[in-house]
């Protein structure tokens, strides 16, 4: 089971990442431009990540115990919620964070870190 400490450690290990408190919760964003790629909800049991709107329905349908939308908040944004307790291991958490980082990171930053920039 992943924890908020795992999210923090792995998110901050990504290139150009920093933590900033916003809306009363930790957000993980890029130093350059401040684009958010992950956040922890107030109870530290749920993580928010960037996710293309067209991919959300399929992810939620495949694993509803893991993925969901916060009604009224995520509807119009390319964002998805992840229940940390439902994650299989740290590798899965890291893969989700890297995918979200890719969506927020500018091309120049991705190009500087080719091991993270490629879509898998």
N, C-alpha and C. Protein backbone atom coordinates (compact mmCIF):
# COMPACT_ATOMS: atom_id res chain seq x y z
N UNK A 1 0.84 -1.18 0.00
CA UNK A 1 0.00 0.00 0.00
C UNK A 1 0.88 1.24 0.00
N UNK A 2 0.59 2.17 -0.88
CA UNK A 2 1.34 3.42 -0.96
C UNK A 2 0.86 4.38 0.13
N UNK A 3 1.77 5.24 0.56
CA UNK A 3 1.44 6.23 1.58
C UNK A 3 1.70 7.63 1.03
N UNK A 4 1.24 8.62 1.77
CA UNK A 4 1.51 10.01 1.40
C UNK A 4 3.01 10.27 1.38
N UNK A 5 3.75 9.66 2.29
CA UNK A 5 5.21 9.83 2.31
C UNK A 5 5.83 9.26 1.03
N UNK A 6 5.30 8.15 0.53
CA UNK A 6 5.79 7.58 -0.72
C UNK A 6 5.52 8.54 -1.88
N UNK A 7 4.32 9.10 -1.92
CA UNK A 7 3.97 10.05 -2.98
C UNK A 7 4.94 11.22 -2.94
N UNK A 8 5.15 11.77 -1.76
CA UNK A 8 6.04 12.93 -1.61
C UNK A 8 7.46 12.60 -2.09
N UNK A 9 7.99 11.49 -1.62
CA UNK A 9 9.37 11.11 -1.97
C UNK A 9 9.53 10.90 -3.47
N UNK A 10 8.60 10.16 -4.07
CA UNK A 10 8.71 9.86 -5.50
C UNK A 10 8.41 11.08 -6.37
N UNK A 11 7.42 11.86 -5.99
CA UNK A 11 7.10 13.06 -6.77
C UNK A 11 8.28 14.03 -6.76
N UNK A 12 8.90 14.21 -5.60
CA UNK A 12 10.01 15.16 -5.50
C UNK A 12 11.30 14.62 -6.14
N UNK A 13 11.33 13.32 -6.46
CA UNK A 13 12.50 12.77 -7.14
C UNK A 13 12.46 13.07 -8.64
N UNK A 14 11.33 13.52 -9.15
CA UNK A 14 11.21 13.81 -10.58
C UNK A 14 11.88 15.14 -10.91
N UNK A 15 12.47 15.24 -12.08
CA UNK A 15 13.20 16.45 -12.47
C UNK A 15 12.32 17.72 -12.39
N UNK A 16 12.88 18.74 -11.76
CA UNK A 16 12.21 20.03 -11.69
C UNK A 16 11.03 20.09 -10.76
N UNK A 17 10.83 19.06 -9.92
CA UNK A 17 9.67 19.01 -9.04
C UNK A 17 9.90 19.75 -7.73
N UNK A 18 8.83 20.33 -7.24
CA UNK A 18 8.84 20.99 -5.93
C UNK A 18 7.48 20.78 -5.28
N UNK A 19 7.42 20.99 -3.98
CA UNK A 19 6.16 20.88 -3.25
C UNK A 19 5.71 22.27 -2.83
N UNK A 20 4.41 22.50 -2.95
CA UNK A 20 3.84 23.77 -2.51
C UNK A 20 2.45 23.52 -1.96
N UNK A 21 2.16 24.09 -0.82
CA UNK A 21 0.84 23.97 -0.22
C UNK A 21 -0.13 24.87 -0.99
N UNK A 22 -1.25 24.31 -1.40
CA UNK A 22 -2.29 25.07 -2.10
C UNK A 22 -3.64 24.46 -1.74
N UNK A 23 -4.62 25.30 -1.53
CA UNK A 23 -5.96 24.84 -1.15
C UNK A 23 -5.92 23.95 0.09
N UNK A 24 -4.94 24.19 0.96
CA UNK A 24 -4.82 23.43 2.18
C UNK A 24 -4.26 22.02 2.02
N UNK A 25 -3.68 21.74 0.85
CA UNK A 25 -3.11 20.41 0.63
C UNK A 25 -1.79 20.51 -0.13
N UNK A 26 -0.94 19.50 0.04
CA UNK A 26 0.32 19.50 -0.70
C UNK A 26 0.08 19.28 -2.19
N UNK A 27 0.73 20.10 -2.99
CA UNK A 27 0.72 19.90 -4.43
C UNK A 27 2.16 19.73 -4.89
N UNK A 28 2.33 18.97 -5.95
CA UNK A 28 3.65 18.73 -6.51
C UNK A 28 3.62 19.31 -7.91
N UNK A 29 4.54 20.21 -8.15
CA UNK A 29 4.51 20.98 -9.39
C UNK A 29 5.91 21.18 -9.91
N UNK A 30 5.97 21.70 -11.11
CA UNK A 30 7.26 21.98 -11.73
C UNK A 30 7.73 23.35 -11.29
N UNK A 31 9.00 23.43 -10.92
CA UNK A 31 9.58 24.70 -10.50
C UNK A 31 9.42 25.75 -11.60
N UNK A 32 9.66 25.35 -12.82
CA UNK A 32 9.54 26.25 -13.95
C UNK A 32 8.09 26.25 -14.42
N UNK A 33 7.40 27.34 -14.21
CA UNK A 33 6.03 27.46 -14.66
C UNK A 33 4.99 27.08 -13.63
N UNK A 34 5.35 26.31 -12.64
CA UNK A 34 4.44 25.98 -11.56
C UNK A 34 3.30 25.04 -11.89
N UNK A 35 3.37 24.34 -13.03
CA UNK A 35 2.28 23.43 -13.40
C UNK A 35 2.21 22.24 -12.44
N UNK A 36 1.03 22.01 -11.91
CA UNK A 36 0.81 20.92 -10.95
C UNK A 36 0.70 19.59 -11.70
N UNK A 37 1.40 18.58 -11.18
CA UNK A 37 1.27 17.24 -11.77
C UNK A 37 0.73 16.23 -10.77
N UNK A 38 0.66 16.58 -9.50
CA UNK A 38 0.09 15.67 -8.50
C UNK A 38 -0.28 16.47 -7.25
N UNK A 39 -1.20 15.90 -6.49
CA UNK A 39 -1.57 16.51 -5.21
C UNK A 39 -2.01 15.41 -4.26
N UNK A 40 -2.00 15.72 -2.99
CA UNK A 40 -2.54 14.82 -1.98
C UNK A 40 -3.79 15.46 -1.41
N UNK A 41 -4.86 14.69 -1.28
CA UNK A 41 -6.06 15.21 -0.66
C UNK A 41 -5.81 15.35 0.84
N UNK A 42 -6.69 16.08 1.50
CA UNK A 42 -6.51 16.41 2.90
C UNK A 42 -6.30 15.24 3.84
N UNK A 43 -6.84 14.08 3.52
CA UNK A 43 -6.69 12.93 4.41
C UNK A 43 -5.46 12.08 4.10
N UNK A 44 -4.69 12.46 3.08
CA UNK A 44 -3.48 11.73 2.68
C UNK A 44 -3.75 10.31 2.20
N UNK A 45 -4.99 10.02 1.83
CA UNK A 45 -5.33 8.68 1.34
C UNK A 45 -5.60 8.66 -0.15
N UNK A 46 -5.67 9.85 -0.75
CA UNK A 46 -5.99 9.99 -2.16
C UNK A 46 -5.01 10.95 -2.81
N UNK A 47 -4.58 10.58 -4.01
CA UNK A 47 -3.69 11.42 -4.80
C UNK A 47 -4.44 11.85 -6.06
N UNK A 48 -4.26 13.11 -6.44
CA UNK A 48 -4.77 13.59 -7.72
C UNK A 48 -3.63 13.66 -8.71
N UNK A 49 -3.89 13.26 -9.96
CA UNK A 49 -2.88 13.31 -11.02
C UNK A 49 -3.51 13.78 -12.32
N UNK A 50 -2.67 14.30 -13.20
CA UNK A 50 -3.13 14.67 -14.54
C UNK A 50 -3.46 13.41 -15.33
N UNK A 51 -4.54 13.50 -16.08
CA UNK A 51 -4.96 12.36 -16.91
C UNK A 51 -5.83 12.91 -18.02
N UNK A 52 -5.51 12.60 -19.27
CA UNK A 52 -6.35 13.08 -20.37
C UNK A 52 -7.81 12.68 -20.16
N UNK A 53 -8.70 13.61 -20.41
CA UNK A 53 -10.13 13.33 -20.21
C UNK A 53 -10.58 12.07 -20.94
N UNK A 54 -10.05 11.87 -22.14
CA UNK A 54 -10.48 10.73 -22.94
C UNK A 54 -10.02 9.39 -22.38
N UNK A 55 -9.09 9.38 -21.44
CA UNK A 55 -8.59 8.14 -20.85
C UNK A 55 -9.25 7.80 -19.51
N UNK A 56 -9.88 8.79 -18.89
CA UNK A 56 -10.38 8.60 -17.52
C UNK A 56 -11.46 7.53 -17.42
N UNK A 57 -12.44 7.57 -18.31
CA UNK A 57 -13.56 6.64 -18.23
C UNK A 57 -13.09 5.19 -18.29
N UNK A 58 -12.16 4.90 -19.18
CA UNK A 58 -11.63 3.54 -19.31
C UNK A 58 -10.89 3.10 -18.06
N UNK A 59 -10.08 3.98 -17.49
CA UNK A 59 -9.34 3.64 -16.27
C UNK A 59 -10.29 3.37 -15.12
N UNK A 60 -11.28 4.23 -14.96
CA UNK A 60 -12.24 4.08 -13.87
C UNK A 60 -13.05 2.80 -14.05
N UNK A 61 -13.49 2.51 -15.26
CA UNK A 61 -14.26 1.29 -15.52
C UNK A 61 -13.44 0.03 -15.25
N UNK A 62 -12.16 0.07 -15.60
CA UNK A 62 -11.29 -1.10 -15.42
C UNK A 62 -10.93 -1.34 -13.96
N UNK A 63 -10.74 -0.24 -13.20
CA UNK A 63 -10.31 -0.38 -11.81
C UNK A 63 -11.00 0.67 -10.93
N UNK A 64 -12.31 0.53 -10.70
CA UNK A 64 -13.05 1.54 -9.93
C UNK A 64 -12.62 1.62 -8.47
N UNK A 65 -12.01 0.57 -7.95
CA UNK A 65 -11.53 0.61 -6.58
C UNK A 65 -10.26 1.47 -6.46
N UNK A 66 -9.63 1.74 -7.58
CA UNK A 66 -8.37 2.49 -7.61
C UNK A 66 -8.56 3.92 -8.12
N UNK A 67 -9.33 4.09 -9.19
CA UNK A 67 -9.45 5.39 -9.85
C UNK A 67 -10.87 5.94 -9.75
N UNK A 68 -10.99 7.25 -9.59
CA UNK A 68 -12.29 7.89 -9.55
C UNK A 68 -12.14 9.39 -9.82
N UNK A 69 -13.28 10.04 -10.02
CA UNK A 69 -13.32 11.50 -10.16
C UNK A 69 -13.99 12.07 -8.93
N UNK A 70 -13.51 13.21 -8.50
CA UNK A 70 -14.19 13.91 -7.41
C UNK A 70 -15.31 14.73 -8.05
N UNK A 71 -16.52 14.28 -7.84
CA UNK A 71 -17.69 14.88 -8.49
C UNK A 71 -17.74 16.39 -8.26
N UNK A 72 -18.03 17.09 -9.34
CA UNK A 72 -18.15 18.54 -9.27
C UNK A 72 -16.82 19.28 -9.30
N UNK A 73 -15.73 18.56 -9.19
CA UNK A 73 -14.42 19.20 -9.19
C UNK A 73 -13.57 18.79 -10.39
N UNK A 74 -13.51 17.50 -10.65
CA UNK A 74 -12.65 16.99 -11.72
C UNK A 74 -13.34 16.91 -13.07
N UNK A 75 -14.65 17.10 -13.08
CA UNK A 75 -15.43 16.90 -14.30
C UNK A 75 -14.87 17.61 -15.52
N UNK A 76 -14.46 18.84 -15.36
CA UNK A 76 -14.03 19.65 -16.50
C UNK A 76 -12.52 19.78 -16.63
N UNK A 77 -11.79 19.03 -15.86
CA UNK A 77 -10.33 19.12 -15.89
C UNK A 77 -9.71 17.77 -16.25
N UNK A 78 -8.53 17.81 -16.79
CA UNK A 78 -7.80 16.58 -17.13
C UNK A 78 -7.12 16.08 -15.85
N UNK A 79 -7.92 15.56 -14.94
CA UNK A 79 -7.47 15.19 -13.61
C UNK A 79 -8.17 13.92 -13.19
N UNK A 80 -7.50 13.09 -12.41
CA UNK A 80 -8.04 11.82 -11.96
C UNK A 80 -7.58 11.60 -10.52
N UNK A 81 -8.40 10.96 -9.73
CA UNK A 81 -8.05 10.64 -8.33
C UNK A 81 -7.63 9.18 -8.23
N UNK A 82 -6.68 8.92 -7.34
CA UNK A 82 -6.14 7.57 -7.14
C UNK A 82 -6.16 7.26 -5.65
N UNK A 83 -6.80 6.16 -5.29
CA UNK A 83 -6.81 5.70 -3.90
C UNK A 83 -5.47 5.02 -3.63
N UNK A 84 -4.69 5.59 -2.73
CA UNK A 84 -3.35 5.06 -2.46
C UNK A 84 -3.38 3.62 -1.95
N UNK A 85 -4.37 3.28 -1.15
CA UNK A 85 -4.44 1.93 -0.59
C UNK A 85 -4.67 0.87 -1.67
N UNK A 86 -5.19 1.27 -2.81
CA UNK A 86 -5.48 0.32 -3.89
C UNK A 86 -4.29 0.06 -4.81
N UNK A 87 -3.23 0.83 -4.67
CA UNK A 87 -2.07 0.64 -5.53
C UNK A 87 -1.32 -0.63 -5.14
N UNK A 88 -0.85 -1.34 -6.14
CA UNK A 88 -0.19 -2.62 -5.90
C UNK A 88 1.16 -2.49 -5.23
N UNK A 89 1.96 -1.52 -5.69
CA UNK A 89 3.30 -1.37 -5.14
C UNK A 89 3.87 -0.01 -5.52
N UNK A 90 5.08 0.22 -5.09
CA UNK A 90 5.75 1.50 -5.36
C UNK A 90 6.00 1.71 -6.84
N UNK A 91 6.23 0.65 -7.58
CA UNK A 91 6.45 0.76 -9.03
C UNK A 91 5.22 1.33 -9.73
N UNK A 92 4.05 0.88 -9.32
CA UNK A 92 2.81 1.39 -9.92
C UNK A 92 2.62 2.87 -9.56
N UNK A 93 2.87 3.22 -8.32
CA UNK A 93 2.78 4.62 -7.90
C UNK A 93 3.73 5.48 -8.72
N UNK A 94 4.96 5.04 -8.86
CA UNK A 94 5.96 5.81 -9.62
C UNK A 94 5.53 5.96 -11.08
N UNK A 95 5.03 4.89 -11.68
CA UNK A 95 4.60 4.95 -13.08
C UNK A 95 3.47 5.97 -13.26
N UNK A 96 2.54 6.01 -12.33
CA UNK A 96 1.44 6.98 -12.40
C UNK A 96 1.98 8.40 -12.26
N UNK A 97 2.89 8.61 -11.33
CA UNK A 97 3.47 9.94 -11.13
C UNK A 97 4.28 10.38 -12.36
N UNK A 98 5.05 9.48 -12.93
CA UNK A 98 5.84 9.83 -14.11
C UNK A 98 4.92 10.20 -15.27
N UNK A 99 3.85 9.45 -15.45
CA UNK A 99 2.92 9.75 -16.54
C UNK A 99 2.30 11.14 -16.34
N UNK A 100 1.95 11.47 -15.12
CA UNK A 100 1.38 12.78 -14.84
C UNK A 100 2.44 13.88 -15.04
N UNK A 101 3.67 13.61 -14.59
CA UNK A 101 4.77 14.56 -14.77
C UNK A 101 4.98 14.86 -16.25
N UNK A 102 4.93 13.82 -17.08
CA UNK A 102 5.12 13.98 -18.53
C UNK A 102 4.09 14.96 -19.11
N UNK A 103 2.87 14.87 -18.62
CA UNK A 103 1.80 15.73 -19.14
C UNK A 103 1.97 17.19 -18.74
N UNK A 104 2.69 17.42 -17.65
CA UNK A 104 2.89 18.79 -17.17
C UNK A 104 4.23 19.38 -17.60
N UNK A 105 5.22 18.52 -17.80
CA UNK A 105 6.58 18.99 -18.08
C UNK A 105 6.70 19.56 -19.49
N UNK A 106 7.39 20.70 -19.62
CA UNK A 106 7.63 21.23 -20.97
C UNK A 106 8.57 20.31 -21.74
N UNK A 107 8.51 20.38 -23.04
CA UNK A 107 9.30 19.51 -23.91
C UNK A 107 10.79 19.59 -23.58
N UNK A 108 11.30 20.78 -23.29
CA UNK A 108 12.73 20.95 -23.00
C UNK A 108 13.14 20.12 -21.77
N UNK A 109 12.30 20.12 -20.74
CA UNK A 109 12.60 19.33 -19.54
C UNK A 109 12.51 17.84 -19.85
N UNK A 110 11.50 17.45 -20.61
CA UNK A 110 11.38 16.04 -20.99
C UNK A 110 12.58 15.60 -21.82
N UNK A 111 13.00 16.45 -22.77
CA UNK A 111 14.14 16.11 -23.62
C UNK A 111 15.43 15.95 -22.81
N UNK A 112 15.54 16.69 -21.70
CA UNK A 112 16.72 16.61 -20.84
C UNK A 112 16.71 15.32 -20.01
N UNK A 113 15.59 14.64 -19.96
CA UNK A 113 15.45 13.41 -19.18
C UNK A 113 14.75 12.36 -20.04
N UNK A 114 15.45 11.86 -21.07
CA UNK A 114 14.81 10.97 -22.02
C UNK A 114 14.27 9.67 -21.41
N UNK A 115 14.83 9.22 -20.31
CA UNK A 115 14.33 8.01 -19.68
C UNK A 115 12.92 8.18 -19.11
N UNK A 116 12.55 9.42 -18.84
CA UNK A 116 11.22 9.71 -18.32
C UNK A 116 10.28 10.22 -19.41
N UNK A 117 10.83 10.73 -20.48
CA UNK A 117 10.01 11.43 -21.48
C UNK A 117 9.25 10.50 -22.40
N UNK A 118 9.76 9.32 -22.65
CA UNK A 118 9.09 8.43 -23.61
C UNK A 118 7.78 7.88 -23.07
N UNK A 119 6.83 7.74 -23.92
CA UNK A 119 5.54 7.15 -23.50
C UNK A 119 5.67 5.64 -23.46
N UNK A 120 5.17 5.05 -22.40
CA UNK A 120 5.28 3.61 -22.27
C UNK A 120 3.97 2.91 -22.34
